[in-house]
């Protein structure tokens, strides 16, 4: 009985760990694309400012 509980807890821990890793990677991906877009917009804005 105790082994079953331990196994279930281990499985739950593993699943939650994988989910947190997946969420973190997705957040990092969104953050990197957002930063790239922001820097691109910033650069184009600066270029238009200097050319005018």
C-alpha atoms as a PDB file:
ATOM      1  CA  UNK A   1       0.000   0.000   0.000  1.00  0.00           C
ATOM      2  CA  UNK A   2       2.766   2.411   0.931  1.00  0.00           C
ATOM      3  CA  UNK A   3       4.685   1.597  -2.260  1.00  0.00           C
ATOM      4  CA  UNK A   4       1.597   2.437  -4.338  1.00  0.00           C
ATOM      5  CA  UNK A   5       1.203   5.793  -2.600  1.00  0.00           C
ATOM      6  CA  UNK A   6       4.891   6.553  -3.124  1.00  0.00           C
ATOM      7  CA  UNK A   7       4.604   5.607  -6.799  1.00  0.00           C
ATOM      8  CA  UNK A   8       1.574   7.837  -7.244  1.00  0.00           C
ATOM      9  CA  UNK A   9       3.312  10.732  -5.526  1.00  0.00           C
ATOM     10  CA  UNK A  10       6.415  10.207  -7.666  1.00  0.00           C
ATOM     11  CA  UNK A  11       4.310  10.146 -10.843  1.00  0.00           C
ATOM     12  CA  UNK A  12       2.457  13.318  -9.780  1.00  0.00           C
ATOM     13  CA  UNK A  13       5.761  15.032  -8.985  1.00  0.00           C
ATOM     14  CA  UNK A  14       7.201  14.002 -12.358  1.00  0.00           C
ATOM     15  CA  UNK A  15       4.132  15.251 -14.255  1.00  0.00           C
ATOM     16  CA  UNK A  16       4.085  18.587 -12.412  1.00  0.00           C
ATOM     17  CA  UNK A  17       7.834  18.936 -13.005  1.00  0.00           C
ATOM     18  CA  UNK A  18       7.435  18.323 -16.746  1.00  0.00           C
ATOM     19  CA  UNK A  19       4.496  20.739 -16.916  1.00  0.00           C
ATOM     20  CA  UNK A  20       6.476  23.464 -15.171  1.00  0.00           C
ATOM     21  CA  UNK A  21       9.411  22.926 -17.568  1.00  0.00           C
ATOM     22  CA  UNK A  22       7.054  23.120 -20.566  1.00  0.00           C
ATOM     23  CA  UNK A  23       5.426  26.300 -19.240  1.00  0.00           C
ATOM     24  CA  UNK A  24       8.829  27.838 -18.575  1.00  0.00           C
ATOM     25  CA  UNK A  25      10.108  27.030 -22.083  1.00  0.00           C
ATOM     26  CA  UNK A  26       6.948  28.489 -23.645  1.00  0.00           C
ATOM     27  CA  UNK A  27       7.331  31.640 -21.542  1.00  0.00           C
ATOM     28  CA  UNK A  28      10.992  31.938 -22.550  1.00  0.00           C
ATOM     29  CA  UNK A  29      10.021  31.525 -26.219  1.00  0.00           C
ATOM     30  CA  UNK A  30       7.357  34.233 -25.942  1.00  0.00           C
ATOM     31  CA  UNK A  31       9.759  36.502 -24.056  1.00  0.00           C
ATOM     32  CA  UNK A  32      12.528  36.100 -26.662  1.00  0.00           C
ATOM     33  CA  UNK A  33      10.164  36.802 -29.571  1.00  0.00           C
ATOM     34  CA  UNK A  34       8.729  39.804 -27.699  1.00  0.00           C
ATOM     35  CA  UNK A  35      12.208  41.174 -27.007  1.00  0.00           C
ATOM     36  CA  UNK A  36      13.215  40.648 -30.651  1.00  0.00           C
ATOM     37  CA  UNK A  37      10.063  42.404 -31.880  1.00  0.00           C
ATOM     38  CA  UNK A  38      10.556  45.255 -29.401  1.00  0.00           C
ATOM     39  CA  UNK A  39      14.202  45.751 -30.412  1.00  0.00           C
ATOM     40  CA  UNK A  40      13.231  45.590 -34.107  1.00  0.00           C
ATOM     41  CA  UNK A  41      10.498  48.210 -33.593  1.00  0.00           C
ATOM     42  CA  UNK A  42      12.938  50.308 -31.563  1.00  0.00           C
ATOM     43  CA  UNK A  43      15.585  50.115 -34.304  1.00  0.00           C
ATOM     44  CA  UNK A  44      13.149  50.983 -37.104  1.00  0.00           C
ATOM     45  CA  UNK A  45      11.753  53.840 -34.998  1.00  0.00           C
ATOM     46  CA  UNK A  46      15.258  55.209 -34.450  1.00  0.00           C
ATOM     47  CA  UNK A  47      16.033  54.889 -38.179  1.00  0.00           C
ATOM     48  CA  UNK A  48      12.876  56.803 -39.146  1.00  0.00           C
ATOM     49  CA  UNK A  49      13.644  59.423 -36.480  1.00  0.00           C
ATOM     50  CA  UNK A  50      17.200  60.003 -37.760  1.00  0.00           C
ATOM     51  CA  UNK A  51      16.206  60.048 -41.443  1.00  0.00           C
ATOM     52  CA  UNK A  52      13.476  62.653 -41.002  1.00  0.00           C
END
